[in-house]
PDB file of N, CA and C in Angstrom:
ATOM      1  N   MET A   1     168.032 126.836  58.726  1.00  0.00           N
ATOM      2  CA  MET A   1     167.520 125.477  58.783  1.00  0.00           C
ATOM      3  C   MET A   1     168.044 124.792  60.042  1.00  0.00           C
ATOM      4  N   SER A   2     167.157 124.116  60.774  1.00  0.00           N
ATOM      5  CA  SER A   2     167.571 123.466  62.005  1.00  0.00           C
ATOM      6  C   SER A   2     168.308 122.172  61.700  1.00  0.00           C
ATOM      7  N   ASN A   3     169.096 121.737  62.657  1.00  0.00           N
ATOM      8  CA  ASN A   3     169.897 120.539  62.473  1.00  0.00           C
ATOM      9  C   ASN A   3     169.222 119.338  63.123  1.00  0.00           C
ATOM     10  N   ASN A   4     167.938 119.131  62.854  1.00  0.00           N
ATOM     11  CA  ASN A   4     167.216 118.009  63.444  1.00  0.00           C
ATOM     12  C   ASN A   4     166.974 116.905  62.421  1.00  0.00           C
ATOM     13  N   ARG A   5     167.825 116.831  61.433  1.00  0.00           N
ATOM     14  CA  ARG A   5     167.673 115.861  60.363  1.00  0.00           C
ATOM     15  C   ARG A   5     167.798 114.437  60.880  1.00  0.00           C
ATOM     16  N   PHE A   6     168.622 114.234  61.899  1.00  0.00           N
ATOM     17  CA  PHE A   6     168.871 112.889  62.388  1.00  0.00           C
ATOM     18  C   PHE A   6     168.148 112.579  63.686  1.00  0.00           C
ATOM     19  N   GLU A   7     167.313 113.497  64.166  1.00  0.00           N
ATOM     20  CA  GLU A   7     166.555 113.215  65.379  1.00  0.00           C
ATOM     21  C   GLU A   7     165.411 112.264  65.057  1.00  0.00           C
ATOM     22  N   PRO A   8     165.204 111.243  65.882  1.00  0.00           N
ATOM     23  CA  PRO A   8     164.129 110.289  65.607  1.00  0.00           C
ATOM     24  C   PRO A   8     162.762 110.908  65.853  1.00  0.00           C
ATOM     25  N   LYS A   9     161.754 110.315  65.249  1.00  0.00           N
ATOM     26  CA  LYS A   9     160.371 110.749  65.464  1.00  0.00           C
ATOM     27  C   LYS A   9     159.684 109.677  66.300  1.00  0.00           C
ATOM     28  N   PHE A  10     159.002 110.127  67.340  1.00  0.00           N
ATOM     29  CA  PHE A  10     158.346 109.200  68.245  1.00  0.00           C
ATOM     30  C   PHE A  10     156.840 109.339  68.151  1.00  0.00           C
ATOM     31  N   LYS A  11     156.149 108.269  68.529  1.00  0.00           N
ATOM     32  CA  LYS A  11     154.694 108.283  68.505  1.00  0.00           C
ATOM     33  C   LYS A  11     154.110 108.714  69.836  1.00  0.00           C
ATOM     34  N   VAL A  12     154.964 108.974  70.828  1.00  0.00           N
ATOM     35  CA  VAL A  12     154.548 109.477  72.133  1.00  0.00           C
ATOM     36  C   VAL A  12     154.776 110.976  72.153  1.00  0.00           C
ATOM     37  N   LYS A  13     153.753 111.722  72.514  1.00  0.00           N
ATOM     38  CA  LYS A  13     153.830 113.178  72.529  1.00  0.00           C
ATOM     39  C   LYS A  13     153.566 113.699  73.941  1.00  0.00           C
ATOM     40  N   LYS A  14     153.896 114.956  74.157  1.00  0.00           N
ATOM     41  CA  LYS A  14     153.630 115.613  75.430  1.00  0.00           C
ATOM     42  C   LYS A  14     152.116 115.641  75.661  1.00  0.00           C
ATOM     43  N   GLY A  15     151.706 115.277  76.873  1.00  0.00           N
ATOM     44  CA  GLY A  15     150.283 115.274  77.208  1.00  0.00           C
ATOM     45  C   GLY A  15     149.612 113.925  77.050  1.00  0.00           C
ATOM     46  N   ASP A  16     150.275 112.947  76.419  1.00  0.00           N
ATOM     47  CA  ASP A  16     149.705 111.607  76.270  1.00  0.00           C
ATOM     48  C   ASP A  16     149.697 110.883  77.608  1.00  0.00           C
ATOM     49  N   THR A  17     148.769 109.954  77.774  1.00  0.00           N
ATOM     50  CA  THR A  17     148.747 109.096  78.943  1.00  0.00           C
ATOM     51  C   THR A  17     149.429 107.790  78.572  1.00  0.00           C
ATOM     52  N   VAL A  18     150.445 107.421  79.358  1.00  0.00           N
ATOM     53  CA  VAL A  18     151.226 106.222  79.047  1.00  0.00           C
ATOM     54  C   VAL A  18     151.274 105.305  80.260  1.00  0.00           C
ATOM     55  N   ILE A  19     151.644 104.045  80.014  1.00  0.00           N
ATOM     56  CA  ILE A  19     151.854 103.065  81.070  1.00  0.00           C
ATOM     57  C   ILE A  19     153.307 102.624  80.995  1.00  0.00           C
ATOM     58  N   VAL A  20     153.924 102.406  82.165  1.00  0.00           N
ATOM     59  CA  VAL A  20     155.318 101.973  82.227  1.00  0.00           C
ATOM     60  C   VAL A  20     155.348 100.453  82.096  1.00  0.00           C
ATOM     61  N   LEU A  21     156.179  99.948  81.178  1.00  0.00           N
ATOM     62  CA  LEU A  21     156.224  98.525  80.882  1.00  0.00           C
ATOM     63  C   LEU A  21     157.266  97.764  81.703  1.00  0.00           C
ATOM     64  N   THR A  22     158.393  98.412  82.056  1.00  0.00           N
ATOM     65  CA  THR A  22     159.453  97.724  82.778  1.00  0.00           C
ATOM     66  C   THR A  22     160.028  98.631  83.856  1.00  0.00           C
ATOM     67  N   GLY A  23     160.802  98.026  84.749  1.00  0.00           N
ATOM     68  CA  GLY A  23     161.496  98.794  85.775  1.00  0.00           C
ATOM     69  C   GLY A  23     160.760  98.793  87.101  1.00  0.00           C
ATOM     70  N   ASN A  24     161.259  99.622  88.017  1.00  0.00           N
ATOM     71  CA  ASN A  24     160.685  99.684  89.365  1.00  0.00           C
ATOM     72  C   ASN A  24     159.253 100.200  89.361  1.00  0.00           C
ATOM     73  N   ASP A  25     158.894 101.013  88.387  1.00  0.00           N
ATOM     74  CA  ASP A  25     157.560 101.610  88.328  1.00  0.00           C
ATOM     75  C   ASP A  25     156.649 100.893  87.338  1.00  0.00           C
ATOM     76  N   LYS A  26     156.911  99.624  87.067  1.00  0.00           N
ATOM     77  CA  LYS A  26     156.124  98.850  86.110  1.00  0.00           C
ATOM     78  C   LYS A  26     154.649  98.857  86.491  1.00  0.00           C
ATOM     79  N   GLY A  27     153.796  99.156  85.510  1.00  0.00           N
ATOM     80  CA  GLY A  27     152.358  99.167  85.740  1.00  0.00           C
ATOM     81  C   GLY A  27     151.797 100.528  86.089  1.00  0.00           C
ATOM     82  N   LYS A  28     152.649 101.486  86.448  1.00  0.00           N
ATOM     83  CA  LYS A  28     152.157 102.818  86.784  1.00  0.00           C
ATOM     84  C   LYS A  28     151.791 103.571  85.509  1.00  0.00           C
ATOM     85  N   THR A  29     150.785 104.427  85.630  1.00  0.00           N
ATOM     86  CA  THR A  29     150.383 105.253  84.498  1.00  0.00           C
ATOM     87  C   THR A  29     150.574 106.715  84.859  1.00  0.00           C
ATOM     88  N   GLY A  30     150.726 107.534  83.838  1.00  0.00           N
ATOM     89  CA  GLY A  30     150.883 108.958  84.062  1.00  0.00           C
ATOM     90  C   GLY A  30     150.892 109.721  82.757  1.00  0.00           C
ATOM     91  N   LYS A  31     150.868 111.032  82.891  1.00  0.00           N
ATOM     92  CA  LYS A  31     150.858 111.915  81.728  1.00  0.00           C
ATOM     93  C   LYS A  31     152.293 112.282  81.368  1.00  0.00           C
ATOM     94  N   VAL A  32     152.593 112.323  80.074  1.00  0.00           N
ATOM     95  CA  VAL A  32     153.932 112.687  79.613  1.00  0.00           C
ATOM     96  C   VAL A  32     154.107 114.187  79.786  1.00  0.00           C
ATOM     97  N   LEU A  33     155.141 114.574  80.559  1.00  0.00           N
ATOM     98  CA  LEU A  33     155.428 115.982  80.792  1.00  0.00           C
ATOM     99  C   LEU A  33     156.281 116.568  79.684  1.00  0.00           C
ATOM    100  N   SER A  34     157.265 115.793  79.202  1.00  0.00           N
ATOM    101  CA  SER A  34     158.099 116.244  78.090  1.00  0.00           C
ATOM    102  C   SER A  34     158.791 115.049  77.458  1.00  0.00           C
ATOM    103  N   VAL A  35     159.209 115.239  76.199  1.00  0.00           N
ATOM    104  CA  VAL A  35     159.913 114.206  75.437  1.00  0.00           C
ATOM    105  C   VAL A  35     161.260 114.771  75.024  1.00  0.00           C
ATOM    106  N   LEU A  36     162.328 114.047  75.354  1.00  0.00           N
ATOM    107  CA  LEU A  36     163.672 114.433  74.947  1.00  0.00           C
ATOM    108  C   LEU A  36     164.047 113.596  73.729  1.00  0.00           C
ATOM    109  N   THR A  37     163.969 114.189  72.534  1.00  0.00           N
ATOM    110  CA  THR A  37     164.184 113.420  71.311  1.00  0.00           C
ATOM    111  C   THR A  37     165.641 113.039  71.107  1.00  0.00           C
ATOM    112  N   LYS A  38     166.563 113.863  71.563  1.00  0.00           N
ATOM    113  CA  LYS A  38     167.979 113.566  71.341  1.00  0.00           C
ATOM    114  C   LYS A  38     168.442 112.360  72.142  1.00  0.00           C
ATOM    115  N   THR A  39     167.906 112.179  73.342  1.00  0.00           N
ATOM    116  CA  THR A  39     168.324 111.061  74.181  1.00  0.00           C
ATOM    117  C   THR A  39     167.277 109.950  74.250  1.00  0.00           C
ATOM    118  N   SER A  40     166.164 110.090  73.540  1.00  0.00           N
ATOM    119  CA  SER A  40     165.076 109.100  73.501  1.00  0.00           C
ATOM    120  C   SER A  40     164.509 108.822  74.884  1.00  0.00           C
ATOM    121  N   LYS A  41     164.259 109.874  75.648  1.00  0.00           N
ATOM    122  CA  LYS A  41     163.730 109.717  77.000  1.00  0.00           C
ATOM    123  C   LYS A  41     162.474 110.556  77.176  1.00  0.00           C
ATOM    124  N   VAL A  42     161.654 110.171  78.156  1.00  0.00           N
ATOM    125  CA  VAL A  42     160.434 110.909  78.475  1.00  0.00           C
ATOM    126  C   VAL A  42     160.361 111.138  79.984  1.00  0.00           C
ATOM    127  N   PHE A  43     159.707 112.224  80.365  1.00  0.00           N
ATOM    128  CA  PHE A  43     159.383 112.498  81.760  1.00  0.00           C
ATOM    129  C   PHE A  43     157.900 112.195  81.927  1.00  0.00           C
ATOM    130  N   VAL A  44     157.569 111.302  82.864  1.00  0.00           N
ATOM    131  CA  VAL A  44     156.180 110.917  83.105  1.00  0.00           C
ATOM    132  C   VAL A  44     155.797 111.367  84.503  1.00  0.00           C
ATOM    133  N   GLU A  45     154.642 111.995  84.610  1.00  0.00           N
ATOM    134  CA  GLU A  45     154.167 112.555  85.878  1.00  0.00           C
ATOM    135  C   GLU A  45     153.994 111.458  86.931  1.00  0.00           C
ATOM    136  N   GLY A  46     154.693 111.614  88.068  1.00  0.00           N
ATOM    137  CA  GLY A  46     154.560 110.687  89.178  1.00  0.00           C
ATOM    138  C   GLY A  46     155.313 109.378  89.033  1.00  0.00           C
ATOM    139  N   VAL A  47     156.152 109.252  88.011  1.00  0.00           N
ATOM    140  CA  VAL A  47     156.894 108.014  87.760  1.00  0.00           C
ATOM    141  C   VAL A  47     158.386 108.312  87.842  1.00  0.00           C
ATOM    142  N   ALA A  48     159.170 107.384  88.374  1.00  0.00           N
ATOM    143  CA  ALA A  48     160.625 107.509  88.502  1.00  0.00           C
ATOM    144  C   ALA A  48     160.994 108.748  89.321  1.00  0.00           C
ATOM    145  N   MET A  49     160.388 108.861  90.489  1.00  0.00           N
ATOM    146  CA  MET A  49     160.632 110.018  91.345  1.00  0.00           C
ATOM    147  C   MET A  49     162.005 109.897  92.012  1.00  0.00           C
ATOM    148  N   ILE A  50     162.743 111.010  92.013  1.00  0.00           N
ATOM    149  CA  ILE A  50     164.044 111.076  92.666  1.00  0.00           C
ATOM    150  C   ILE A  50     164.029 112.227  93.658  1.00  0.00           C
ATOM    151  N   LYS A  51     164.924 112.155  94.624  1.00  0.00           N
ATOM    152  CA  LYS A  51     165.065 113.240  95.594  1.00  0.00           C
ATOM    153  C   LYS A  51     166.283 114.058  95.206  1.00  0.00           C
ATOM    154  N   LYS A  52     166.114 115.374  95.144  1.00  0.00           N
ATOM    155  CA  LYS A  52     167.197 116.267  94.754  1.00  0.00           C
ATOM    156  C   LYS A  52     167.433 117.254  95.883  1.00  0.00           C
ATOM    157  N   HIS A  53     168.706 117.407  96.260  1.00  0.00           N
ATOM    158  CA  HIS A  53     169.073 118.365  97.300  1.00  0.00           C
ATOM    159  C   HIS A  53     169.198 119.730  96.643  1.00  0.00           C
ATOM    160  N   GLN A  54     168.325 120.651  97.040  1.00  0.00           N
ATOM    161  CA  GLN A  54     168.217 121.964  96.398  1.00  0.00           C
ATOM    162  C   GLN A  54     168.793 123.040  97.306  1.00  0.00           C
ATOM    163  N   LYS A  55     169.725 123.824  96.772  1.00  0.00           N
ATOM    164  CA  LYS A  55     170.249 124.965  97.520  1.00  0.00           C
ATOM    165  C   LYS A  55     169.203 126.068  97.536  1.00  0.00           C
ATOM    166  N   PRO A  56     169.218 126.919  98.529  1.00  0.00           N
ATOM    167  CA  PRO A  56     168.275 128.041  98.537  1.00  0.00           C
ATOM    168  C   PRO A  56     168.512 128.974  97.344  1.00  0.00           C
ATOM    169  N   ASP A  57     167.421 129.404  96.726  1.00  0.00           N
ATOM    170  CA  ASP A  57     167.501 130.373  95.631  1.00  0.00           C
ATOM    171  C   ASP A  57     166.264 131.266  95.688  1.00  0.00           C
ATOM    172  N   ALA A  58     166.067 132.067  94.666  1.00  0.00           N
ATOM    173  CA  ALA A  58     164.948 133.017  94.669  1.00  0.00           C
ATOM    174  C   ALA A  58     163.595 132.299  94.675  1.00  0.00           C
ATOM    175  N   LYS A  59     163.471 131.216  93.929  1.00  0.00           N
ATOM    176  CA  LYS A  59     162.203 130.490  93.858  1.00  0.00           C
ATOM    177  C   LYS A  59     161.923 129.727  95.148  1.00  0.00           C
ATOM    178  N   ASN A  60     162.975 129.120  95.708  1.00  0.00           N
ATOM    179  CA  ASN A  60     162.835 128.299  96.899  1.00  0.00           C
ATOM    180  C   ASN A  60     163.811 128.817  97.963  1.00  0.00           C
ATOM    181  N   PRO A  61     163.431 129.824  98.738  1.00  0.00           N
ATOM    182  CA  PRO A  61     164.378 130.447  99.669  1.00  0.00           C
ATOM    183  C   PRO A  61     164.846 129.526 100.797  1.00  0.00           C
ATOM    184  N   ASP A  62     164.080 128.496 101.117  1.00  0.00           N
ATOM    185  CA  ASP A  62     164.475 127.587 102.188  1.00  0.00           C
ATOM    186  C   ASP A  62     165.418 126.488 101.701  1.00  0.00           C
ATOM    187  N   GLY A  63     165.333 126.122 100.414  1.00  0.00           N
ATOM    188  CA  GLY A  63     166.121 124.993  99.918  1.00  0.00           C
ATOM    189  C   GLY A  63     165.518 123.698 100.416  1.00  0.00           C
ATOM    190  N   GLY A  64     166.339 122.675 100.606  1.00  0.00           N
ATOM    191  CA  GLY A  64     165.868 121.409 101.140  1.00  0.00           C
ATOM    192  C   GLY A  64     165.871 120.319 100.094  1.00  0.00           C
ATOM    193  N   ILE A  65     165.184 119.234 100.409  1.00  0.00           N
ATOM    194  CA  ILE A  65     165.118 118.079  99.517  1.00  0.00           C
ATOM    195  C   ILE A  65     163.786 118.120  98.784  1.00  0.00           C
ATOM    196  N   ILE A  66     163.851 118.147  97.460  1.00  0.00           N
ATOM    197  CA  ILE A  66     162.633 118.163  96.653  1.00  0.00           C
ATOM    198  C   ILE A  66     162.544 116.862  95.856  1.00  0.00           C
ATOM    199  N   GLU A  67     161.331 116.458  95.544  1.00  0.00           N
ATOM    200  CA  GLU A  67     161.119 115.269  94.718  1.00  0.00           C
ATOM    201  C   GLU A  67     160.728 115.709  93.324  1.00  0.00           C
ATOM    202  N   LYS A  68     161.347 115.074  92.323  1.00  0.00           N
ATOM    203  CA  LYS A  68     161.010 115.390  90.937  1.00  0.00           C
ATOM    204  C   LYS A  68     161.136 114.148  90.092  1.00  0.00           C
ATOM    205  N   GLU A  69     160.582 114.222  88.884  1.00  0.00           N
ATOM    206  CA  GLU A  69     160.596 113.087  87.978  1.00  0.00           C
ATOM    207  C   GLU A  69     161.954 112.961  87.295  1.00  0.00           C
ATOM    208  N   ALA A  70     162.396 111.729  87.127  1.00  0.00           N
ATOM    209  CA  ALA A  70     163.610 111.453  86.373  1.00  0.00           C
ATOM    210  C   ALA A  70     163.197 110.941  84.996  1.00  0.00           C
ATOM    211  N   PRO A  71     164.032 111.133  83.980  1.00  0.00           N
ATOM    212  CA  PRO A  71     163.666 110.632  82.655  1.00  0.00           C
ATOM    213  C   PRO A  71     163.771 109.115  82.585  1.00  0.00           C
ATOM    214  N   ILE A  72     162.868 108.499  81.822  1.00  0.00           N
ATOM    215  CA  ILE A  72     162.950 107.064  81.555  1.00  0.00           C
ATOM    216  C   ILE A  72     162.961 106.871  80.048  1.00  0.00           C
ATOM    217  N   HIS A  73     163.539 105.770  79.599  1.00  0.00           N
ATOM    218  CA  HIS A  73     163.679 105.543  78.164  1.00  0.00           C
ATOM    219  C   HIS A  73     162.309 105.343  77.527  1.00  0.00           C
ATOM    220  N   ILE A  74     162.166 105.866  76.321  1.00  0.00           N
ATOM    221  CA  ILE A  74     160.866 105.858  75.647  1.00  0.00           C
ATOM    222  C   ILE A  74     160.406 104.440  75.304  1.00  0.00           C
ATOM    223  N   SER A  75     161.355 103.502  75.194  1.00  0.00           N
ATOM    224  CA  SER A  75     160.980 102.117  74.891  1.00  0.00           C
ATOM    225  C   SER A  75     160.334 101.430  76.085  1.00  0.00           C
ATOM    226  N   ASN A  76     160.448 102.019  77.261  1.00  0.00           N
ATOM    227  CA  ASN A  76     159.875 101.425  78.466  1.00  0.00           C
ATOM    228  C   ASN A  76     158.463 101.918  78.758  1.00  0.00           C
ATOM    229  N   VAL A  77     157.890 102.728  77.874  1.00  0.00           N
ATOM    230  CA  VAL A  77     156.514 103.195  78.051  1.00  0.00           C
ATOM    231  C   VAL A  77     155.705 102.855  76.807  1.00  0.00           C
ATOM    232  N   SER A  78     154.401 102.760  76.983  1.00  0.00           N
ATOM    233  CA  SER A  78     153.495 102.498  75.873  1.00  0.00           C
ATOM    234  C   SER A  78     152.241 103.345  76.059  1.00  0.00           C
ATOM    235  N   LEU A  79     151.679 103.806  74.960  1.00  0.00           N
ATOM    236  CA  LEU A  79     150.447 104.586  75.032  1.00  0.00           C
ATOM    237  C   LEU A  79     149.303 103.728  75.542  1.00  0.00           C
ATOM    238  N   ILE A  80     148.345 104.365  76.192  1.00  0.00           N
ATOM    239  CA  ILE A  80     147.180 103.666  76.709  1.00  0.00           C
ATOM    240  C   ILE A  80     146.039 103.795  75.707  1.00  0.00           C
ATOM    241  N   ASP A  81     145.407 102.673  75.417  1.00  0.00           N
ATOM    242  CA  ASP A  81     144.257 102.641  74.514  1.00  0.00           C
ATOM    243  C   ASP A  81     143.096 103.383  75.173  1.00  0.00           C
ATOM    244  N   PRO A  82     142.503 104.384  74.483  1.00  0.00           N
ATOM    245  CA  PRO A  82     141.412 105.143  75.108  1.00  0.00           C
ATOM    246  C   PRO A  82     140.176 104.300  75.410  1.00  0.00           C
ATOM    247  N   LYS A  83     139.980 103.202  74.674  1.00  0.00           N
ATOM    248  CA  LYS A  83     138.789 102.388  74.866  1.00  0.00           C
ATOM    249  C   LYS A  83     138.956 101.367  75.997  1.00  0.00           C
ATOM    250  N   SER A  84     140.065 100.612  75.964  1.00  0.00           N
ATOM    251  CA  SER A  84     140.237  99.529  76.939  1.00  0.00           C
ATOM    252  C   SER A  84     141.059  99.925  78.153  1.00  0.00           C
ATOM    253  N   GLY A  85     141.890 100.963  78.047  1.00  0.00           N
ATOM    254  CA  GLY A  85     142.724 101.382  79.156  1.00  0.00           C
ATOM    255  C   GLY A  85     143.983 100.553  79.313  1.00  0.00           C
ATOM    256  N   LYS A  86     144.305  99.724  78.308  1.00  0.00           N
ATOM    257  CA  LYS A  86     145.504  98.894  78.346  1.00  0.00           C
ATOM    258  C   LYS A  86     146.533  99.434  77.361  1.00  0.00           C
ATOM    259  N   ALA A  87     147.754  98.919  77.460  1.00  0.00           N
ATOM    260  CA  ALA A  87     148.834  99.346  76.568  1.00  0.00           C
ATOM    261  C   ALA A  87     148.525  98.951  75.131  1.00  0.00           C
ATOM    262  N   THR A  88     148.899  99.823  74.195  1.00  0.00           N
ATOM    263  CA  THR A  88     148.665  99.547  72.786  1.00  0.00           C
ATOM    264  C   THR A  88     149.785 100.109  71.942  1.00  0.00           C
ATOM    265  N   ARG A  89     149.958  99.523  70.764  1.00  0.00           N
ATOM    266  CA  ARG A  89     150.885 100.085  69.796  1.00  0.00           C
ATOM    267  C   ARG A  89     150.125 101.129  68.984  1.00  0.00           C
ATOM    268  N   VAL A  90     150.866 101.907  68.192  1.00  0.00           N
ATOM    269  CA  VAL A  90     150.263 103.036  67.489  1.00  0.00           C
ATOM    270  C   VAL A  90     150.505 102.916  65.995  1.00  0.00           C
ATOM    271  N   ALA A  91     149.467 103.173  65.223  1.00  0.00           N
ATOM    272  CA  ALA A  91     149.583 103.244  63.769  1.00  0.00           C
ATOM    273  C   ALA A  91     149.408 104.695  63.353  1.00  0.00           C
ATOM    274  N   ILE A  92     150.070 105.081  62.277  1.00  0.00           N
ATOM    275  CA  ILE A  92     149.946 106.428  61.731  1.00  0.00           C
ATOM    276  C   ILE A  92     149.102 106.343  60.476  1.00  0.00           C
ATOM    277  N   LYS A  93     148.078 107.180  60.401  1.00  0.00           N
ATOM    278  CA  LYS A  93     147.199 107.203  59.238  1.00  0.00           C
ATOM    279  C   LYS A  93     147.153 108.618  58.694  1.00  0.00           C
ATOM    280  N   ARG A  94     147.355 108.752  57.400  1.00  0.00           N
ATOM    281  CA  ARG A  94     147.324 110.063  56.758  1.00  0.00           C
ATOM    282  C   ARG A  94     146.148 110.115  55.791  1.00  0.00           C
ATOM    283  N   GLU A  95     145.331 111.139  55.946  1.00  0.00           N
ATOM    284  CA  GLU A  95     144.260 111.356  54.972  1.00  0.00           C
ATOM    285  C   GLU A  95     143.979 112.849  54.866  1.00  0.00           C
ATOM    286  N   ASN A  96     143.876 113.325  53.664  1.00  0.00           N
ATOM    287  CA  ASN A  96     143.628 114.737  53.349  1.00  0.00           C
ATOM    288  C   ASN A  96     144.666 115.666  53.990  1.00  0.00           C
ATOM    289  N   GLY A  97     145.913 115.220  54.059  1.00  0.00           N
ATOM    290  CA  GLY A  97     146.968 116.048  54.619  1.00  0.00           C
ATOM    291  C   GLY A  97     147.022 116.054  56.128  1.00  0.00           C
ATOM    292  N   ASN A  98     146.089 115.390  56.793  1.00  0.00           N
ATOM    293  CA  ASN A  98     146.081 115.311  58.255  1.00  0.00           C
ATOM    294  C   ASN A  98     146.704 113.996  58.701  1.00  0.00           C
ATOM    295  N   VAL A  99     147.468 114.053  59.775  1.00  0.00           N
ATOM    296  CA  VAL A  99     148.086 112.861  60.333  1.00  0.00           C
ATOM    297  C   VAL A  99     147.348 112.500  61.612  1.00  0.00           C
ATOM    298  N   GLN A 100     146.927 111.230  61.703  1.00  0.00           N
ATOM    299  CA  GLN A 100     146.225 110.763  62.889  1.00  0.00           C
ATOM    300  C   GLN A 100     146.962 109.576  63.477  1.00  0.00           C
ATOM    301  N   ARG A 101     146.989 109.515  64.797  1.00  0.00           N
ATOM    302  CA  ARG A 101     147.541 108.354  65.482  1.00  0.00           C
ATOM    303  C   ARG A 101     146.375 107.463  65.889  1.00  0.00           C
ATOM    304  N   ILE A 102     146.481 106.181  65.586  1.00  0.00           N
ATOM    305  CA  ILE A 102     145.390 105.247  65.830  1.00  0.00           C
ATOM    306  C   ILE A 102     145.898 104.102  66.712  1.00  0.00           C
ATOM    307  N   ALA A 103     145.123 103.744  67.729  1.00  0.00           N
ATOM    308  CA  ALA A 103     145.465 102.622  68.594  1.00  0.00           C
ATOM    309  C   ALA A 103     145.261 101.320  67.827  1.00  0.00           C
ATOM    310  N   LYS A 104     146.269 100.434  67.865  1.00  0.00           N
ATOM    311  CA  LYS A 104     146.197  99.173  67.130  1.00  0.00           C
ATOM    312  C   LYS A 104     145.172  98.230  67.744  1.00  0.00           C
ATOM    313  N   LYS A 105     144.966  98.272  69.056  1.00  0.00           N
ATOM    314  CA  LYS A 105     144.053  97.325  69.708  1.00  0.00           C
ATOM    315  C   LYS A 105     142.596  97.587  69.354  1.00  0.00           C
ATOM    316  N   SER A 106     142.194  98.858  69.429  1.00  0.00           N
ATOM    317  CA  SER A 106     140.768  99.159  69.245  1.00  0.00           C
ATOM    318  C   SER A 106     140.447  99.905  67.963  1.00  0.00           C
ATOM    319  N   GLY A 107     141.460 100.505  67.346  1.00  0.00           N
ATOM    320  CA  GLY A 107     141.214 101.305  66.150  1.00  0.00           C
ATOM    321  C   GLY A 107     140.764 102.728  66.445  1.00  0.00           C
ATOM    322  N   GLU A 108     140.765 103.114  67.726  1.00  0.00           N
ATOM    323  CA  GLU A 108     140.358 104.462  68.128  1.00  0.00           C
ATOM    324  C   GLU A 108     141.446 105.467  67.801  1.00  0.00           C
ATOM    325  N   VAL A 109     141.043 106.700  67.505  1.00  0.00           N
ATOM    326  CA  VAL A 109     141.988 107.778  67.266  1.00  0.00           C
ATOM    327  C   VAL A 109     142.496 108.276  68.611  1.00  0.00           C
ATOM    328  N   ILE A 110     143.798 108.433  68.718  1.00  0.00           N
ATOM    329  CA  ILE A 110     144.398 108.899  69.983  1.00  0.00           C
ATOM    330  C   ILE A 110     144.486 110.406  69.948  1.00  0.00           C
TER     331      ILE A 110
END
């Protein structure tokens, strides 16, 4: 049995399109690359870019400075409503054993 009893459950999943609500990248949108449940952070494509000094290795024989995404707190992002394209909260609806995420603004299934 895994020890994930105390890990929180989030309504943002990998592959969702989100908008950044606060910080230097406020207003930017992007796709969620991964969700870190233990630290409540997400990696969003093209948001919170940092420069990392990379030593030469097998994948990158030249090394150099690479740009990559830094994690941002999950409370600073919101899902985008598929109908209006604006930030929305999410409702969970269960029917016939299936779980659906529904946008609160439009009622559309996410």
